[in-house]
């Protein structure tokens, strides 16, 4: 009973700190996140992508991670043919992070694998949360034999409801309202055949 009370009290204190600090969005000290150039490989007839978002945390954002709210990073991966402006294929997926005040640990869920990692420290969760690791992004069948392509990735945060705030808190302000994106090098299906 005492553990539940302390967890609820801790969440309330964190929520109050966030609410007071976020009353004026102009005072939010954000960072400029960077989505690293994706590493592309070919495995089991699939194009596989790995990358991560760097420079994506601030002290205030760390406090939000400790609030117990579900925090989500959304990703979009678009396959373009070279010299075109409309994607051939768009794949969307997301990662969630949630802190347990009772267990004092984090869980990170990866929609692309439909699985999560539990009992994580804050440091472990902060590494895994913005990381795309060996995601089978699409089948090689999507790549035309004579085509050259590139993959464009974009990430963004959404709004959350914090206790003590009437309006939802737009987490993208902690990223200076920037949706980081990156493009791969130009490739064709022949780059991945041996």
N, C-alpha and C. Protein backbone atom coordinates (compact mmCIF):
# COMPACT_ATOMS: atom_id res chain seq x y z
N UNK A 1 0.83 -1.19 0.00
CA UNK A 1 0.00 0.00 0.00
C UNK A 1 0.87 1.25 0.00
N UNK A 2 1.92 1.23 0.82
CA UNK A 2 2.79 2.39 0.90
C UNK A 2 3.52 2.62 -0.42
N UNK A 3 3.94 1.52 -1.08
CA UNK A 3 4.62 1.64 -2.37
C UNK A 3 3.70 2.29 -3.39
N UNK A 4 2.42 1.88 -3.42
CA UNK A 4 1.46 2.48 -4.34
C UNK A 4 1.25 3.96 -4.06
N UNK A 5 1.18 4.30 -2.79
CA UNK A 5 1.00 5.71 -2.41
C UNK A 5 2.21 6.53 -2.84
N UNK A 6 3.42 6.01 -2.58
CA UNK A 6 4.64 6.74 -2.96
C UNK A 6 4.75 6.88 -4.47
N UNK A 7 4.37 5.83 -5.21
CA UNK A 7 4.42 5.91 -6.67
C UNK A 7 3.45 6.96 -7.17
N UNK A 8 2.23 6.98 -6.63
CA UNK A 8 1.24 7.98 -7.05
C UNK A 8 1.70 9.38 -6.68
N UNK A 9 2.27 9.53 -5.48
CA UNK A 9 2.76 10.84 -5.04
C UNK A 9 3.90 11.29 -5.94
N UNK A 10 4.82 10.38 -6.25
CA UNK A 10 5.96 10.70 -7.12
C UNK A 10 5.48 11.15 -8.50
N UNK A 11 4.49 10.43 -9.06
CA UNK A 11 3.96 10.80 -10.36
C UNK A 11 3.32 12.18 -10.31
N UNK A 12 2.61 12.48 -9.23
CA UNK A 12 1.95 13.77 -9.08
C UNK A 12 2.99 14.90 -9.00
N UNK A 13 4.07 14.68 -8.24
CA UNK A 13 5.12 15.69 -8.12
C UNK A 13 5.78 15.94 -9.48
N UNK A 14 6.09 14.87 -10.20
CA UNK A 14 6.71 15.01 -11.52
C UNK A 14 5.76 15.74 -12.46
N UNK A 15 4.48 15.37 -12.44
CA UNK A 15 3.50 16.03 -13.30
C UNK A 15 3.39 17.51 -12.98
N UNK A 16 3.43 17.86 -11.71
CA UNK A 16 3.35 19.26 -11.31
C UNK A 16 4.57 20.04 -11.81
N UNK A 17 5.75 19.46 -11.68
CA UNK A 17 6.98 20.11 -12.17
C UNK A 17 6.89 20.34 -13.68
N UNK A 18 6.43 19.33 -14.40
CA UNK A 18 6.30 19.45 -15.86
C UNK A 18 5.26 20.51 -16.21
N UNK A 19 4.14 20.48 -15.49
CA UNK A 19 3.06 21.44 -15.77
C UNK A 19 3.53 22.87 -15.57
N UNK A 20 4.22 23.12 -14.46
CA UNK A 20 4.72 24.46 -14.18
C UNK A 20 5.77 24.87 -15.20
N UNK A 21 6.68 23.96 -15.52
CA UNK A 21 7.75 24.28 -16.47
C UNK A 21 7.28 24.45 -17.89
N UNK A 22 6.10 23.87 -18.21
CA UNK A 22 5.61 23.90 -19.58
C UNK A 22 4.46 24.87 -19.79
N UNK A 23 4.20 25.73 -18.83
CA UNK A 23 3.09 26.67 -18.96
C UNK A 23 3.30 27.60 -20.16
N UNK A 24 4.55 27.89 -20.46
CA UNK A 24 4.86 28.75 -21.58
C UNK A 24 5.82 28.00 -22.49
N UNK A 25 5.32 27.62 -23.68
CA UNK A 25 6.15 26.84 -24.60
C UNK A 25 7.41 27.58 -25.00
N UNK A 26 7.36 28.91 -24.96
CA UNK A 26 8.54 29.68 -25.36
C UNK A 26 9.71 29.47 -24.39
N UNK A 27 9.41 28.96 -23.18
CA UNK A 27 10.48 28.74 -22.22
C UNK A 27 11.08 27.33 -22.32
N UNK A 28 10.51 26.50 -23.17
CA UNK A 28 11.03 25.13 -23.32
C UNK A 28 12.38 25.20 -24.03
N UNK A 29 13.37 24.62 -23.38
CA UNK A 29 14.72 24.60 -23.92
C UNK A 29 14.89 23.29 -24.69
N UNK A 30 14.66 23.34 -26.00
CA UNK A 30 14.71 22.12 -26.81
C UNK A 30 16.08 21.85 -27.38
N UNK A 31 16.16 20.73 -28.08
CA UNK A 31 17.38 20.32 -28.77
C UNK A 31 17.03 20.09 -30.23
N UNK A 32 18.04 20.04 -31.06
CA UNK A 32 17.85 19.73 -32.47
C UNK A 32 18.23 18.28 -32.70
N UNK A 33 17.24 17.40 -32.86
CA UNK A 33 17.53 15.98 -33.03
C UNK A 33 18.10 15.70 -34.42
N UNK A 34 18.89 14.64 -34.50
CA UNK A 34 19.50 14.24 -35.77
C UNK A 34 19.17 12.77 -36.01
N UNK A 35 18.59 12.48 -37.16
CA UNK A 35 18.34 11.11 -37.58
C UNK A 35 19.50 10.69 -38.46
N UNK A 36 20.32 9.78 -37.94
CA UNK A 36 21.54 9.38 -38.65
C UNK A 36 21.22 8.73 -40.00
N UNK A 37 22.16 8.87 -40.94
CA UNK A 37 22.01 8.24 -42.26
C UNK A 37 21.78 6.76 -42.07
N UNK A 38 20.73 6.21 -42.69
CA UNK A 38 20.41 4.80 -42.46
C UNK A 38 21.43 3.85 -43.08
N UNK A 39 21.65 2.76 -42.38
CA UNK A 39 22.47 1.67 -42.89
C UNK A 39 21.52 0.65 -43.51
N UNK A 40 21.71 0.35 -44.79
CA UNK A 40 20.85 -0.59 -45.49
C UNK A 40 21.60 -1.88 -45.77
N UNK A 41 20.92 -2.99 -45.53
CA UNK A 41 21.46 -4.31 -45.85
C UNK A 41 20.34 -5.13 -46.46
N UNK A 42 20.69 -6.28 -46.96
CA UNK A 42 19.72 -7.17 -47.58
C UNK A 42 19.76 -8.50 -46.85
N UNK A 43 18.59 -8.97 -46.39
CA UNK A 43 18.54 -10.24 -45.66
C UNK A 43 17.21 -10.92 -45.92
N UNK A 44 17.28 -12.21 -46.28
CA UNK A 44 16.08 -13.01 -46.51
C UNK A 44 15.09 -12.33 -47.45
N UNK A 45 15.59 -11.84 -48.59
CA UNK A 45 14.76 -11.20 -49.61
C UNK A 45 14.11 -9.90 -49.13
N UNK A 46 14.68 -9.27 -48.08
CA UNK A 46 14.14 -8.02 -47.56
C UNK A 46 15.23 -6.95 -47.49
N UNK A 47 14.81 -5.73 -47.69
CA UNK A 47 15.68 -4.58 -47.45
C UNK A 47 15.58 -4.26 -45.96
N UNK A 48 16.72 -4.22 -45.28
CA UNK A 48 16.78 -4.06 -43.84
C UNK A 48 17.43 -2.72 -43.51
N UNK A 49 16.83 -1.98 -42.57
CA UNK A 49 17.35 -0.65 -42.24
C UNK A 49 17.69 -0.58 -40.75
N UNK A 50 18.77 0.13 -40.45
CA UNK A 50 19.17 0.44 -39.07
C UNK A 50 19.60 1.91 -39.02
N UNK A 51 19.17 2.61 -37.97
CA UNK A 51 19.59 3.99 -37.74
C UNK A 51 19.16 4.38 -36.33
N UNK A 52 19.48 5.58 -35.91
CA UNK A 52 19.04 6.07 -34.60
C UNK A 52 18.91 7.59 -34.63
N UNK A 53 18.13 8.10 -33.70
CA UNK A 53 18.02 9.55 -33.52
C UNK A 53 18.99 9.93 -32.41
N UNK A 54 19.87 10.86 -32.69
CA UNK A 54 20.80 11.34 -31.68
C UNK A 54 20.41 12.75 -31.27
N UNK A 55 20.95 13.19 -30.14
CA UNK A 55 20.69 14.53 -29.60
C UNK A 55 19.19 14.77 -29.43
N UNK A 56 18.52 13.85 -28.74
CA UNK A 56 17.05 13.94 -28.65
C UNK A 56 16.52 14.06 -27.22
N UNK A 57 17.40 14.27 -26.23
CA UNK A 57 16.94 14.36 -24.84
C UNK A 57 17.43 15.66 -24.18
N UNK A 58 16.57 16.20 -23.31
CA UNK A 58 16.95 17.32 -22.45
C UNK A 58 16.61 16.91 -21.02
N UNK A 59 17.05 17.68 -20.04
CA UNK A 59 16.72 17.37 -18.65
C UNK A 59 15.21 17.39 -18.42
N UNK A 60 14.53 18.38 -19.02
CA UNK A 60 13.07 18.45 -18.87
C UNK A 60 12.40 17.25 -19.51
N UNK A 61 12.89 16.85 -20.69
CA UNK A 61 12.31 15.69 -21.37
C UNK A 61 12.53 14.42 -20.56
N UNK A 62 13.68 14.31 -19.91
CA UNK A 62 13.93 13.17 -19.02
C UNK A 62 12.89 13.11 -17.91
N UNK A 63 12.50 14.27 -17.37
CA UNK A 63 11.47 14.32 -16.34
C UNK A 63 10.13 13.82 -16.88
N UNK A 64 9.85 14.16 -18.13
CA UNK A 64 8.60 13.67 -18.75
C UNK A 64 8.65 12.15 -18.90
N UNK A 65 9.82 11.61 -19.22
CA UNK A 65 9.96 10.15 -19.33
C UNK A 65 9.65 9.48 -18.00
N UNK A 66 9.94 10.17 -16.89
CA UNK A 66 9.69 9.62 -15.55
C UNK A 66 8.25 9.81 -15.07
N UNK A 67 7.41 10.43 -15.89
CA UNK A 67 6.04 10.75 -15.46
C UNK A 67 5.13 9.53 -15.43
N UNK A 68 5.52 8.45 -16.10
CA UNK A 68 4.65 7.28 -16.18
C UNK A 68 3.74 7.30 -17.40
N UNK A 69 3.72 8.41 -18.14
CA UNK A 69 2.94 8.49 -19.37
C UNK A 69 3.59 7.64 -20.46
N UNK A 70 2.79 7.18 -21.40
CA UNK A 70 3.33 6.49 -22.57
C UNK A 70 3.82 7.56 -23.53
N UNK A 71 5.11 7.52 -23.86
CA UNK A 71 5.73 8.46 -24.80
C UNK A 71 5.97 7.69 -26.10
N UNK A 72 5.61 8.29 -27.23
CA UNK A 72 5.70 7.60 -28.51
C UNK A 72 6.54 8.38 -29.51
N UNK A 73 7.45 7.68 -30.18
CA UNK A 73 8.14 8.22 -31.36
C UNK A 73 7.54 7.51 -32.56
N UNK A 74 7.07 8.29 -33.52
CA UNK A 74 6.52 7.75 -34.76
C UNK A 74 7.59 7.83 -35.84
N UNK A 75 7.60 6.82 -36.71
CA UNK A 75 8.55 6.77 -37.82
C UNK A 75 7.80 6.55 -39.12
N UNK A 76 8.31 7.17 -40.17
CA UNK A 76 7.81 6.94 -41.52
C UNK A 76 9.01 6.63 -42.40
N UNK A 77 8.91 5.55 -43.18
CA UNK A 77 9.96 5.19 -44.13
C UNK A 77 9.34 5.21 -45.53
N UNK A 78 9.87 6.05 -46.39
CA UNK A 78 9.32 6.19 -47.74
C UNK A 78 10.37 5.77 -48.76
N UNK A 79 9.96 4.90 -49.67
CA UNK A 79 10.83 4.45 -50.76
C UNK A 79 10.53 5.28 -51.99
N UNK A 80 11.56 5.96 -52.51
CA UNK A 80 11.43 6.78 -53.71
C UNK A 80 12.29 6.21 -54.82
N UNK A 81 11.80 6.31 -56.05
CA UNK A 81 12.67 6.09 -57.19
C UNK A 81 13.48 7.37 -57.39
N UNK A 82 14.70 7.22 -57.85
CA UNK A 82 15.56 8.38 -58.08
C UNK A 82 14.87 9.38 -59.02
N UNK A 83 14.97 10.65 -58.70
CA UNK A 83 14.41 11.76 -59.49
C UNK A 83 12.89 11.79 -59.52
N UNK A 84 12.24 11.25 -58.48
CA UNK A 84 10.79 11.38 -58.37
C UNK A 84 10.45 12.08 -57.05
N UNK A 85 9.22 12.57 -56.95
CA UNK A 85 8.81 13.31 -55.76
C UNK A 85 7.68 12.64 -55.01
N UNK A 86 7.21 11.52 -55.51
CA UNK A 86 6.13 10.77 -54.86
C UNK A 86 6.66 9.40 -54.47
N UNK A 87 6.49 9.00 -53.21
CA UNK A 87 7.02 7.70 -52.80
C UNK A 87 6.29 6.54 -53.45
N UNK A 88 7.04 5.49 -53.78
CA UNK A 88 6.45 4.25 -54.28
C UNK A 88 5.75 3.50 -53.14
N UNK A 89 6.37 3.55 -51.97
CA UNK A 89 5.86 2.82 -50.81
C UNK A 89 6.13 3.64 -49.56
N UNK A 90 5.18 3.64 -48.62
CA UNK A 90 5.37 4.28 -47.32
C UNK A 90 5.06 3.27 -46.23
N UNK A 91 5.97 3.13 -45.29
CA UNK A 91 5.80 2.22 -44.15
C UNK A 91 5.86 3.06 -42.89
N UNK A 92 4.89 2.87 -42.00
CA UNK A 92 4.87 3.61 -40.74
C UNK A 92 4.95 2.62 -39.57
N UNK A 93 5.65 3.04 -38.53
CA UNK A 93 5.76 2.23 -37.32
C UNK A 93 6.08 3.16 -36.17
N UNK A 94 6.12 2.63 -34.95
CA UNK A 94 6.34 3.49 -33.78
C UNK A 94 7.02 2.72 -32.67
N UNK A 95 7.62 3.49 -31.74
CA UNK A 95 8.19 2.96 -30.51
C UNK A 95 7.53 3.68 -29.34
N UNK A 96 7.25 2.95 -28.28
CA UNK A 96 6.73 3.59 -27.07
C UNK A 96 7.68 3.33 -25.91
N UNK A 97 7.67 4.25 -24.98
CA UNK A 97 8.46 4.14 -23.76
C UNK A 97 7.54 4.48 -22.59
N UNK A 98 7.60 3.65 -21.53
CA UNK A 98 6.81 3.95 -20.34
C UNK A 98 7.59 3.56 -19.10
N UNK A 99 7.56 4.47 -18.14
CA UNK A 99 8.21 4.26 -16.84
C UNK A 99 7.20 3.71 -15.85
N UNK A 100 7.63 2.75 -15.05
CA UNK A 100 6.80 2.22 -13.97
C UNK A 100 7.32 2.77 -12.66
N UNK A 101 6.56 3.67 -12.00
CA UNK A 101 6.99 4.20 -10.71
C UNK A 101 7.07 3.12 -9.63
N UNK A 102 6.28 2.06 -9.78
CA UNK A 102 6.32 0.98 -8.80
C UNK A 102 7.57 0.13 -8.98
N UNK A 103 7.83 -0.30 -10.21
CA UNK A 103 9.01 -1.12 -10.48
C UNK A 103 10.28 -0.31 -10.63
N UNK A 104 10.13 1.02 -10.78
CA UNK A 104 11.26 1.93 -11.02
C UNK A 104 12.10 1.46 -12.21
N UNK A 105 11.39 1.05 -13.28
CA UNK A 105 12.08 0.64 -14.50
C UNK A 105 11.24 1.04 -15.71
N UNK A 106 11.81 0.83 -16.89
CA UNK A 106 11.19 1.26 -18.14
C UNK A 106 10.88 0.07 -19.02
N UNK A 107 9.87 0.25 -19.88
CA UNK A 107 9.54 -0.69 -20.94
C UNK A 107 9.56 0.07 -22.26
N UNK A 108 10.21 -0.51 -23.26
CA UNK A 108 10.21 0.06 -24.61
C UNK A 108 9.57 -0.97 -25.53
N UNK A 109 8.57 -0.51 -26.30
CA UNK A 109 7.86 -1.38 -27.24
C UNK A 109 8.20 -0.96 -28.67
N UNK A 110 8.43 -1.96 -29.54
CA UNK A 110 8.78 -1.73 -30.95
C UNK A 110 7.66 -2.30 -31.82
N UNK A 111 6.87 -1.45 -32.45
CA UNK A 111 5.74 -1.94 -33.25
C UNK A 111 6.19 -2.75 -34.46
N UNK A 112 7.38 -2.45 -35.00
CA UNK A 112 7.83 -3.17 -36.19
C UNK A 112 8.10 -4.65 -35.91
N UNK A 113 8.36 -4.99 -34.65
CA UNK A 113 8.57 -6.38 -34.26
C UNK A 113 7.43 -6.91 -33.41
N UNK A 114 6.52 -6.03 -33.01
CA UNK A 114 5.44 -6.35 -32.07
C UNK A 114 6.00 -7.02 -30.82
N UNK A 115 7.02 -6.39 -30.26
CA UNK A 115 7.61 -6.89 -29.03
C UNK A 115 8.23 -5.75 -28.24
N UNK A 116 8.44 -6.01 -26.96
CA UNK A 116 9.00 -4.98 -26.09
C UNK A 116 10.15 -5.51 -25.27
N UNK A 117 10.87 -4.58 -24.69
CA UNK A 117 11.94 -4.88 -23.74
C UNK A 117 11.53 -4.29 -22.41
N UNK A 118 11.63 -5.07 -21.35
CA UNK A 118 11.18 -4.63 -20.04
C UNK A 118 12.33 -4.59 -19.05
N UNK A 119 12.04 -4.05 -17.87
CA UNK A 119 12.99 -3.97 -16.76
C UNK A 119 14.26 -3.24 -17.15
N UNK A 120 14.12 -2.17 -17.91
CA UNK A 120 15.27 -1.39 -18.38
C UNK A 120 15.58 -0.24 -17.44
N UNK A 121 16.86 0.10 -17.33
CA UNK A 121 17.24 1.33 -16.64
C UNK A 121 16.93 2.49 -17.57
N UNK A 122 16.98 3.69 -17.02
CA UNK A 122 16.72 4.87 -17.86
C UNK A 122 17.76 4.97 -18.99
N UNK A 123 19.01 4.70 -18.68
CA UNK A 123 20.06 4.78 -19.70
C UNK A 123 19.82 3.79 -20.83
N UNK A 124 19.44 2.55 -20.49
CA UNK A 124 19.16 1.54 -21.51
C UNK A 124 17.95 1.94 -22.36
N UNK A 125 16.90 2.43 -21.70
CA UNK A 125 15.68 2.82 -22.41
C UNK A 125 15.96 3.98 -23.37
N UNK A 126 16.78 4.94 -22.94
CA UNK A 126 17.07 6.10 -23.77
C UNK A 126 17.89 5.74 -25.00
N UNK A 127 18.64 4.65 -24.94
CA UNK A 127 19.39 4.18 -26.11
C UNK A 127 18.45 3.45 -27.08
N UNK A 128 17.61 2.57 -26.56
CA UNK A 128 16.75 1.74 -27.40
C UNK A 128 15.58 2.50 -28.02
N UNK A 129 15.00 3.42 -27.26
CA UNK A 129 13.78 4.11 -27.68
C UNK A 129 13.89 4.77 -29.05
N UNK A 130 14.96 5.53 -29.37
CA UNK A 130 15.03 6.19 -30.67
C UNK A 130 15.75 5.37 -31.75
N UNK A 131 15.98 4.10 -31.50
CA UNK A 131 16.82 3.30 -32.39
C UNK A 131 15.98 2.37 -33.28
N UNK A 132 16.26 2.41 -34.57
CA UNK A 132 15.70 1.42 -35.50
C UNK A 132 16.81 0.41 -35.73
N UNK A 133 16.55 -0.85 -35.45
CA UNK A 133 17.61 -1.85 -35.54
C UNK A 133 17.16 -3.04 -36.37
N UNK A 134 17.77 -3.18 -37.53
CA UNK A 134 17.53 -4.31 -38.43
C UNK A 134 16.04 -4.55 -38.70
N UNK A 135 15.38 -3.48 -39.09
CA UNK A 135 13.96 -3.57 -39.42
C UNK A 135 13.82 -3.97 -40.89
N UNK A 136 13.11 -5.09 -41.14
CA UNK A 136 12.81 -5.51 -42.52
C UNK A 136 11.81 -4.51 -43.08
N UNK A 137 12.31 -3.53 -43.80
CA UNK A 137 11.47 -2.42 -44.22
C UNK A 137 10.57 -2.80 -45.38
N UNK A 138 11.06 -3.60 -46.33
CA UNK A 138 10.22 -4.05 -47.43
C UNK A 138 10.90 -5.18 -48.19
N UNK A 139 10.08 -5.89 -48.95
CA UNK A 139 10.57 -7.00 -49.75
C UNK A 139 11.30 -6.46 -50.98
N UNK A 140 12.29 -7.20 -51.43
CA UNK A 140 13.05 -6.80 -52.61
C UNK A 140 12.15 -6.75 -53.84
N UNK A 141 11.00 -7.41 -53.79
CA UNK A 141 10.05 -7.38 -54.92
C UNK A 141 9.57 -5.97 -55.22
N UNK A 142 9.63 -5.06 -54.22
CA UNK A 142 9.23 -3.67 -54.44
C UNK A 142 10.25 -2.90 -55.29
N UNK A 143 11.44 -3.47 -55.46
CA UNK A 143 12.50 -2.79 -56.21
C UNK A 143 12.50 -3.30 -57.64
N UNK A 144 12.20 -2.42 -58.58
CA UNK A 144 12.21 -2.80 -59.99
C UNK A 144 13.63 -3.12 -60.42
N UNK A 145 13.74 -4.05 -61.37
CA UNK A 145 15.06 -4.51 -61.80
C UNK A 145 15.97 -3.39 -62.29
N UNK A 146 15.42 -2.43 -63.00
CA UNK A 146 16.27 -1.38 -63.59
C UNK A 146 16.17 -0.06 -62.84
N UNK A 147 15.58 -0.06 -61.65
CA UNK A 147 15.38 1.19 -60.93
C UNK A 147 16.46 1.51 -59.93
N UNK A 148 16.68 2.80 -59.73
CA UNK A 148 17.52 3.29 -58.65
C UNK A 148 16.60 3.95 -57.62
N UNK A 149 16.89 3.72 -56.34
CA UNK A 149 16.00 4.14 -55.27
C UNK A 149 16.77 4.81 -54.14
N UNK A 150 16.01 5.47 -53.27
CA UNK A 150 16.54 5.90 -51.98
C UNK A 150 15.41 5.79 -50.96
N UNK A 151 15.80 5.66 -49.71
CA UNK A 151 14.86 5.55 -48.61
C UNK A 151 14.94 6.83 -47.80
N UNK A 152 13.79 7.44 -47.52
CA UNK A 152 13.75 8.63 -46.66
C UNK A 152 13.01 8.28 -45.38
N UNK A 153 13.65 8.55 -44.26
CA UNK A 153 13.07 8.28 -42.95
C UNK A 153 12.76 9.60 -42.24
N UNK A 154 11.64 9.64 -41.54
CA UNK A 154 11.24 10.80 -40.75
C UNK A 154 10.75 10.32 -39.40
N UNK A 155 11.03 11.09 -38.34
CA UNK A 155 10.57 10.74 -36.99
C UNK A 155 9.90 11.95 -36.36
N UNK A 156 8.96 11.70 -35.45
CA UNK A 156 8.33 12.81 -34.74
C UNK A 156 7.71 12.32 -33.44
N UNK A 157 7.53 13.27 -32.54
CA UNK A 157 6.85 13.04 -31.26
C UNK A 157 5.45 13.62 -31.35
N UNK A 158 4.57 13.13 -30.49
CA UNK A 158 3.19 13.60 -30.50
C UNK A 158 2.87 14.29 -29.18
N UNK A 159 1.63 14.68 -29.02
CA UNK A 159 1.17 15.32 -27.79
C UNK A 159 0.80 14.26 -26.76
N UNK A 160 0.92 14.63 -25.47
CA UNK A 160 0.47 13.76 -24.39
C UNK A 160 -0.32 14.61 -23.39
N UNK A 161 -1.14 13.94 -22.62
CA UNK A 161 -1.89 14.63 -21.57
C UNK A 161 -1.14 14.45 -20.25
N UNK A 162 -0.80 15.55 -19.60
CA UNK A 162 -0.10 15.54 -18.32
C UNK A 162 -1.06 16.01 -17.23
N UNK A 163 -1.08 15.31 -16.10
CA UNK A 163 -1.89 15.75 -14.97
C UNK A 163 -1.50 17.18 -14.60
N UNK A 164 -2.49 18.04 -14.43
CA UNK A 164 -2.22 19.42 -14.04
C UNK A 164 -2.20 20.38 -15.21
N UNK A 165 -2.22 19.85 -16.44
CA UNK A 165 -2.26 20.70 -17.63
C UNK A 165 -3.61 20.54 -18.31
N UNK A 166 -4.26 21.64 -18.63
CA UNK A 166 -5.54 21.56 -19.34
C UNK A 166 -5.34 21.11 -20.77
N UNK A 167 -4.34 21.69 -21.43
CA UNK A 167 -4.07 21.34 -22.81
C UNK A 167 -3.04 20.21 -22.87
N UNK A 168 -3.07 19.47 -23.97
CA UNK A 168 -2.06 18.45 -24.17
C UNK A 168 -0.70 19.12 -24.36
N UNK A 169 0.34 18.42 -23.94
CA UNK A 169 1.70 18.92 -24.07
C UNK A 169 2.29 18.39 -25.37
N UNK A 170 2.68 19.30 -26.25
CA UNK A 170 3.27 18.91 -27.53
C UNK A 170 4.75 18.61 -27.32
N UNK A 171 5.11 17.33 -27.32
CA UNK A 171 6.49 16.93 -27.05
C UNK A 171 7.45 17.36 -28.15
N UNK A 172 6.93 17.66 -29.33
CA UNK A 172 7.82 18.10 -30.41
C UNK A 172 8.52 19.41 -30.08
N UNK A 173 7.97 20.19 -29.14
CA UNK A 173 8.65 21.41 -28.71
C UNK A 173 10.01 21.10 -28.09
N UNK A 174 10.16 19.91 -27.50
CA UNK A 174 11.45 19.53 -26.91
C UNK A 174 12.47 19.17 -27.99
N UNK A 175 11.98 19.04 -29.22
CA UNK A 175 12.86 18.83 -30.37
C UNK A 175 12.87 20.09 -31.24
N UNK A 176 12.68 21.24 -30.63
CA UNK A 176 12.65 22.52 -31.35
C UNK A 176 11.68 22.49 -32.53
N UNK A 177 10.58 21.74 -32.36
CA UNK A 177 9.53 21.60 -33.39
C UNK A 177 10.07 21.04 -34.70
N UNK A 178 11.12 20.24 -34.60
CA UNK A 178 11.75 19.65 -35.78
C UNK A 178 11.41 18.16 -35.85
N UNK A 179 11.01 17.72 -37.05
CA UNK A 179 10.85 16.29 -37.32
C UNK A 179 12.12 15.85 -38.05
N UNK A 180 13.05 15.21 -37.35
CA UNK A 180 14.30 14.84 -38.02
C UNK A 180 14.04 13.87 -39.16
N UNK A 181 14.82 14.01 -40.22
CA UNK A 181 14.70 13.08 -41.34
C UNK A 181 16.06 12.86 -41.96
N UNK A 182 16.16 11.82 -42.75
CA UNK A 182 17.41 11.49 -43.43
C UNK A 182 17.10 10.68 -44.68
N UNK A 183 18.06 10.67 -45.59
CA UNK A 183 17.94 9.89 -46.82
C UNK A 183 19.11 8.92 -46.91
N UNK A 184 18.81 7.77 -47.48
CA UNK A 184 19.88 6.80 -47.73
C UNK A 184 20.62 7.20 -49.00
N UNK A 185 21.72 6.53 -49.23
CA UNK A 185 22.40 6.66 -50.52
C UNK A 185 21.51 6.00 -51.59
N UNK A 186 21.73 6.34 -52.85
CA UNK A 186 21.00 5.72 -53.96
C UNK A 186 21.41 4.26 -54.05
N UNK A 187 20.44 3.38 -54.29
CA UNK A 187 20.73 1.96 -54.40
C UNK A 187 19.77 1.33 -55.41
N UNK A 188 20.11 0.11 -55.83
CA UNK A 188 19.22 -0.69 -56.67
C UNK A 188 19.19 -2.10 -56.08
N UNK A 189 18.33 -2.95 -56.60
CA UNK A 189 18.26 -4.30 -56.06
C UNK A 189 19.57 -5.04 -56.30
N UNK A 190 20.35 -4.63 -57.30
CA UNK A 190 21.61 -5.31 -57.60
C UNK A 190 22.67 -5.06 -56.53
N UNK A 191 22.53 -3.96 -55.74
CA UNK A 191 23.47 -3.70 -54.67
C UNK A 191 23.40 -4.76 -53.58
N UNK A 192 22.30 -5.48 -53.52
CA UNK A 192 22.08 -6.43 -52.44
C UNK A 192 22.11 -7.87 -52.89
N UNK A 193 22.48 -8.11 -54.15
CA UNK A 193 22.57 -9.48 -54.64
C UNK A 193 24.03 -9.86 -54.78
N UNK A 194 24.31 -11.10 -54.38
CA UNK A 194 25.71 -11.55 -54.46
C UNK A 194 25.97 -12.40 -55.68
